[in-house]
Amino acid sequence: MKLLKVIMAGSLLLGVAATTLSADAVKGQKLFIKLLKGPCDMNGAKFAAKHSQEEWKELKASGKFEAEVIKICPKVKAGDLSESIQEHIIDFSIEFANDSGNVPSC
């Protein structure tokens, strides 16, 4: 009986974690459409496919995400995206990277 409770709790925890993760990616997709689709002159699928999941994670970890956005989208200037907005767009980019198998609807 205890094992069943542990398994159920683990499943619930994973479900909540997955929902939270996708919520950030969904918010990142909305922010991409609102703030970057025009300046980047591309849709979110093309933007996210510029790198693999690991490459996006490395850009996030190294703090070089904003510089990469500016490189991909020269119309974007430093300071255009706040840290919190960058976090959501990074999550979106990781979720829909070229090796993720996922395709965004934007």
N, C-alpha and C. Protein backbone atom coordinates (compact mmCIF):
# COMPACT_ATOMS: atom_id res chain seq x y z
N MET A 1 0.82 -1.19 0.00
CA MET A 1 0.00 0.00 0.00
C MET A 1 0.87 1.26 0.00
N LYS A 2 1.96 1.24 0.78
CA LYS A 2 2.86 2.40 0.81
C LYS A 2 3.49 2.63 -0.56
N LEU A 3 3.89 1.55 -1.21
CA LEU A 3 4.51 1.67 -2.53
C LEU A 3 3.55 2.33 -3.52
N LEU A 4 2.28 1.94 -3.45
CA LEU A 4 1.27 2.53 -4.33
C LEU A 4 1.15 4.03 -4.07
N LYS A 5 1.17 4.44 -2.80
CA LYS A 5 1.09 5.87 -2.46
C LYS A 5 2.31 6.62 -2.99
N VAL A 6 3.48 6.02 -2.88
CA VAL A 6 4.71 6.66 -3.38
C VAL A 6 4.64 6.82 -4.90
N ILE A 7 4.17 5.79 -5.57
CA ILE A 7 4.05 5.85 -7.04
C ILE A 7 3.04 6.92 -7.45
N MET A 8 1.91 6.96 -6.75
CA MET A 8 0.88 7.97 -7.07
C MET A 8 1.41 9.38 -6.82
N ALA A 9 2.12 9.57 -5.70
CA ALA A 9 2.68 10.89 -5.40
C ALA A 9 3.70 11.30 -6.45
N GLY A 10 4.53 10.34 -6.87
CA GLY A 10 5.53 10.62 -7.90
C GLY A 10 4.88 11.00 -9.22
N SER A 11 3.83 10.29 -9.59
CA SER A 11 3.11 10.59 -10.82
C SER A 11 2.50 11.98 -10.78
N LEU A 12 1.90 12.32 -9.64
CA LEU A 12 1.31 13.64 -9.48
C LEU A 12 2.36 14.73 -9.58
N LEU A 13 3.49 14.51 -8.94
CA LEU A 13 4.58 15.49 -8.98
C LEU A 13 5.10 15.69 -10.40
N LEU A 14 5.27 14.60 -11.13
CA LEU A 14 5.73 14.71 -12.52
C LEU A 14 4.71 15.44 -13.38
N GLY A 15 3.43 15.17 -13.15
CA GLY A 15 2.38 15.84 -13.91
C GLY A 15 2.38 17.34 -13.67
N VAL A 16 2.54 17.74 -12.42
CA VAL A 16 2.59 19.16 -12.08
C VAL A 16 3.83 19.80 -12.68
N ALA A 17 4.99 19.12 -12.61
CA ALA A 17 6.23 19.66 -13.16
C ALA A 17 6.11 19.83 -14.68
N ALA A 18 5.52 18.86 -15.35
CA ALA A 18 5.37 18.95 -16.80
C ALA A 18 4.43 20.10 -17.18
N THR A 19 3.37 20.30 -16.42
CA THR A 19 2.44 21.39 -16.69
C THR A 19 3.14 22.74 -16.51
N THR A 20 3.91 22.86 -15.45
CA THR A 20 4.63 24.10 -15.19
C THR A 20 5.63 24.39 -16.31
N LEU A 21 6.35 23.37 -16.74
CA LEU A 21 7.33 23.55 -17.80
C LEU A 21 6.66 24.00 -19.09
N SER A 22 5.54 23.37 -19.46
CA SER A 22 4.89 23.74 -20.70
C SER A 22 4.26 25.13 -20.59
N ALA A 23 3.85 25.50 -19.39
CA ALA A 23 3.27 26.84 -19.21
C ALA A 23 4.29 27.91 -19.56
N ASP A 24 5.54 27.73 -19.15
CA ASP A 24 6.58 28.69 -19.48
C ASP A 24 6.81 28.75 -20.99
N ALA A 25 6.83 27.58 -21.63
CA ALA A 25 7.03 27.53 -23.07
C ALA A 25 5.87 28.20 -23.80
N VAL A 26 4.65 27.99 -23.30
CA VAL A 26 3.48 28.62 -23.91
C VAL A 26 3.56 30.13 -23.75
N LYS A 27 3.92 30.58 -22.56
CA LYS A 27 4.07 32.03 -22.34
C LYS A 27 5.19 32.58 -23.22
N GLY A 28 6.28 31.81 -23.35
CA GLY A 28 7.39 32.23 -24.21
C GLY A 28 6.97 32.34 -25.66
N GLN A 29 6.10 31.43 -26.10
CA GLN A 29 5.60 31.49 -27.48
C GLN A 29 4.78 32.76 -27.68
N LYS A 30 3.92 33.07 -26.73
CA LYS A 30 3.11 34.29 -26.83
C LYS A 30 4.00 35.53 -26.84
N LEU A 31 5.02 35.54 -25.99
CA LEU A 31 5.93 36.68 -25.94
C LEU A 31 6.74 36.79 -27.23
N PHE A 32 7.14 35.64 -27.79
CA PHE A 32 7.87 35.67 -29.06
C PHE A 32 7.01 36.32 -30.14
N ILE A 33 5.75 35.88 -30.23
CA ILE A 33 4.85 36.43 -31.24
C ILE A 33 4.68 37.94 -31.05
N LYS A 34 4.50 38.36 -29.80
CA LYS A 34 4.25 39.77 -29.49
C LYS A 34 5.48 40.65 -29.70
N LEU A 35 6.66 40.15 -29.28
CA LEU A 35 7.84 41.01 -29.23
C LEU A 35 8.90 40.75 -30.30
N LEU A 36 8.98 39.52 -30.81
CA LEU A 36 10.09 39.19 -31.70
C LEU A 36 9.71 38.78 -33.12
N LYS A 37 8.48 38.34 -33.33
CA LYS A 37 8.11 37.85 -34.66
C LYS A 37 8.37 38.90 -35.74
N GLY A 38 7.94 40.14 -35.50
CA GLY A 38 8.16 41.22 -36.47
C GLY A 38 9.63 41.58 -36.61
N PRO A 39 10.30 41.93 -35.51
CA PRO A 39 11.71 42.32 -35.60
C PRO A 39 12.62 41.21 -36.15
N CYS A 40 12.27 39.97 -35.87
CA CYS A 40 13.10 38.85 -36.36
C CYS A 40 12.75 38.47 -37.79
N ASP A 41 11.59 38.91 -38.26
CA ASP A 41 11.13 38.59 -39.61
C ASP A 41 11.10 37.08 -39.84
N MET A 42 10.65 36.34 -38.81
CA MET A 42 10.50 34.88 -38.93
C MET A 42 9.51 34.42 -37.87
N ASN A 43 8.97 33.24 -38.07
CA ASN A 43 8.06 32.71 -37.07
C ASN A 43 8.84 32.00 -35.96
N GLY A 44 8.13 31.62 -34.92
CA GLY A 44 8.78 30.98 -33.77
C GLY A 44 9.44 29.66 -34.10
N ALA A 45 8.86 28.91 -35.03
CA ALA A 45 9.43 27.62 -35.42
C ALA A 45 10.83 27.80 -36.01
N LYS A 46 10.96 28.77 -36.89
CA LYS A 46 12.27 29.02 -37.52
C LYS A 46 13.27 29.54 -36.48
N PHE A 47 12.80 30.41 -35.58
CA PHE A 47 13.69 30.95 -34.55
C PHE A 47 14.19 29.83 -33.64
N ALA A 48 13.29 29.04 -33.10
CA ALA A 48 13.67 27.98 -32.17
C ALA A 48 14.56 26.93 -32.84
N ALA A 49 14.35 26.72 -34.13
CA ALA A 49 15.13 25.71 -34.87
C ALA A 49 16.55 26.17 -35.18
N LYS A 50 16.92 27.38 -34.80
CA LYS A 50 18.28 27.86 -35.03
C LYS A 50 19.31 27.08 -34.21
N HIS A 51 18.84 26.43 -33.13
CA HIS A 51 19.76 25.68 -32.26
C HIS A 51 19.10 24.42 -31.74
N SER A 52 19.92 23.51 -31.24
CA SER A 52 19.43 22.30 -30.57
C SER A 52 19.04 22.66 -29.14
N GLN A 53 18.36 21.74 -28.47
CA GLN A 53 17.99 21.97 -27.08
C GLN A 53 19.23 22.23 -26.22
N GLU A 54 20.26 21.45 -26.44
CA GLU A 54 21.49 21.60 -25.65
C GLU A 54 22.14 22.96 -25.91
N GLU A 55 22.14 23.40 -27.16
CA GLU A 55 22.72 24.71 -27.48
C GLU A 55 21.93 25.85 -26.82
N TRP A 56 20.58 25.74 -26.83
CA TRP A 56 19.77 26.77 -26.16
C TRP A 56 20.05 26.76 -24.66
N LYS A 57 20.17 25.57 -24.08
CA LYS A 57 20.45 25.46 -22.64
C LYS A 57 21.81 26.08 -22.31
N GLU A 58 22.79 25.89 -23.18
CA GLU A 58 24.11 26.47 -22.98
C GLU A 58 24.05 28.00 -23.06
N LEU A 59 23.29 28.51 -24.02
CA LEU A 59 23.13 29.97 -24.13
C LEU A 59 22.46 30.53 -22.88
N LYS A 60 21.50 29.79 -22.34
CA LYS A 60 20.83 30.20 -21.10
C LYS A 60 21.81 30.20 -19.94
N ALA A 61 22.56 29.11 -19.80
CA ALA A 61 23.50 28.96 -18.68
C ALA A 61 24.62 29.99 -18.73
N SER A 62 25.08 30.31 -19.93
CA SER A 62 26.21 31.24 -20.07
C SER A 62 25.77 32.70 -20.04
N GLY A 63 24.46 32.94 -20.06
CA GLY A 63 23.97 34.32 -20.05
C GLY A 63 24.11 35.02 -21.40
N LYS A 64 24.27 34.24 -22.46
CA LYS A 64 24.48 34.83 -23.79
C LYS A 64 23.24 34.78 -24.68
N PHE A 65 22.07 34.53 -24.06
CA PHE A 65 20.85 34.42 -24.86
C PHE A 65 20.52 35.72 -25.57
N GLU A 66 20.57 36.84 -24.84
CA GLU A 66 20.23 38.13 -25.46
C GLU A 66 21.15 38.43 -26.64
N ALA A 67 22.44 38.15 -26.49
CA ALA A 67 23.39 38.39 -27.59
C ALA A 67 23.05 37.52 -28.79
N GLU A 68 22.60 36.29 -28.54
CA GLU A 68 22.23 35.40 -29.64
C GLU A 68 20.96 35.89 -30.34
N VAL A 69 20.00 36.40 -29.56
CA VAL A 69 18.79 36.96 -30.16
C VAL A 69 19.16 38.13 -31.06
N ILE A 70 20.05 38.99 -30.61
CA ILE A 70 20.48 40.15 -31.39
C ILE A 70 21.20 39.69 -32.67
N LYS A 71 21.97 38.61 -32.56
CA LYS A 71 22.66 38.07 -33.74
C LYS A 71 21.66 37.52 -34.76
N ILE A 72 20.65 36.80 -34.26
CA ILE A 72 19.63 36.23 -35.14
C ILE A 72 18.70 37.32 -35.68
N CYS A 73 18.39 38.29 -34.84
CA CYS A 73 17.44 39.36 -35.17
C CYS A 73 18.10 40.72 -34.96
N PRO A 74 18.82 41.22 -35.94
CA PRO A 74 19.57 42.48 -35.78
C PRO A 74 18.73 43.69 -35.40
N LYS A 75 17.42 43.65 -35.64
CA LYS A 75 16.56 44.79 -35.28
C LYS A 75 16.33 44.86 -33.77
N VAL A 76 16.59 43.77 -33.06
CA VAL A 76 16.44 43.75 -31.60
C VAL A 76 17.69 44.37 -30.98
N LYS A 77 17.50 45.23 -30.03
CA LYS A 77 18.62 45.91 -29.37
C LYS A 77 18.77 45.42 -27.93
N ALA A 78 19.97 45.55 -27.41
CA ALA A 78 20.24 45.17 -26.03
C ALA A 78 19.30 45.93 -25.11
N GLY A 79 18.71 45.22 -24.17
CA GLY A 79 17.79 45.83 -23.22
C GLY A 79 16.34 45.81 -23.66
N ASP A 80 16.07 45.37 -24.89
CA ASP A 80 14.68 45.30 -25.36
C ASP A 80 13.88 44.24 -24.61
N LEU A 81 14.55 43.18 -24.18
CA LEU A 81 13.88 42.07 -23.49
C LEU A 81 14.33 41.99 -22.04
N SER A 82 13.39 42.07 -21.12
CA SER A 82 13.74 41.95 -19.71
C SER A 82 14.19 40.51 -19.40
N GLU A 83 14.81 40.33 -18.25
CA GLU A 83 15.28 38.99 -17.86
C GLU A 83 14.13 37.99 -17.81
N SER A 84 12.99 38.40 -17.24
CA SER A 84 11.86 37.46 -17.12
C SER A 84 11.30 37.09 -18.49
N ILE A 85 11.24 38.04 -19.40
CA ILE A 85 10.79 37.75 -20.76
C ILE A 85 11.76 36.80 -21.44
N GLN A 86 13.06 37.05 -21.26
CA GLN A 86 14.07 36.16 -21.84
C GLN A 86 13.91 34.73 -21.33
N GLU A 87 13.64 34.57 -20.03
CA GLU A 87 13.47 33.23 -19.45
C GLU A 87 12.36 32.46 -20.15
N HIS A 88 11.24 33.11 -20.39
CA HIS A 88 10.11 32.44 -21.04
C HIS A 88 10.44 32.12 -22.50
N ILE A 89 11.10 33.04 -23.18
CA ILE A 89 11.44 32.79 -24.59
C ILE A 89 12.51 31.70 -24.69
N ILE A 90 13.42 31.63 -23.73
CA ILE A 90 14.39 30.53 -23.70
C ILE A 90 13.67 29.20 -23.53
N ASP A 91 12.72 29.14 -22.60
CA ASP A 91 11.97 27.89 -22.40
C ASP A 91 11.23 27.50 -23.67
N PHE A 92 10.65 28.48 -24.35
CA PHE A 92 9.98 28.23 -25.63
C PHE A 92 10.99 27.68 -26.65
N SER A 93 12.16 28.30 -26.72
CA SER A 93 13.19 27.89 -27.69
C SER A 93 13.68 26.48 -27.41
N ILE A 94 13.85 26.14 -26.15
CA ILE A 94 14.28 24.78 -25.78
C ILE A 94 13.19 23.78 -26.15
N GLU A 95 11.95 24.11 -25.84
CA GLU A 95 10.82 23.22 -26.10
C GLU A 95 10.67 22.91 -27.59
N PHE A 96 10.99 23.89 -28.44
CA PHE A 96 10.79 23.73 -29.88
C PHE A 96 12.09 23.78 -30.68
N ALA A 97 13.20 23.42 -30.06
CA ALA A 97 14.50 23.41 -30.73
C ALA A 97 14.50 22.43 -31.90
N ASN A 98 15.53 22.54 -32.74
CA ASN A 98 15.58 21.72 -33.96
C ASN A 98 15.65 20.22 -33.71
N ASP A 99 16.02 19.79 -32.51
CA ASP A 99 16.09 18.36 -32.21
C ASP A 99 14.99 17.91 -31.24
N SER A 100 13.99 18.76 -31.01
CA SER A 100 12.96 18.44 -30.03
C SER A 100 11.84 17.56 -30.60
N GLY A 101 11.60 17.68 -31.89
CA GLY A 101 10.48 16.96 -32.49
C GLY A 101 9.16 17.70 -32.31
N ASN A 102 9.19 18.85 -31.66
CA ASN A 102 7.98 19.64 -31.44
C ASN A 102 7.93 20.80 -32.44
N VAL A 103 6.71 21.16 -32.84
CA VAL A 103 6.53 22.26 -33.78
C VAL A 103 5.53 23.25 -33.18
N PRO A 104 5.93 24.50 -32.96
CA PRO A 104 5.01 25.48 -32.39
C PRO A 104 3.96 25.92 -33.41
N SER A 105 2.92 26.55 -32.91
CA SER A 105 1.82 26.98 -33.79
C SER A 105 1.96 28.44 -34.20
N CYS A 106 3.17 29.01 -34.09
CA CYS A 106 3.31 30.42 -34.47
C CYS A 106 4.26 30.58 -35.63
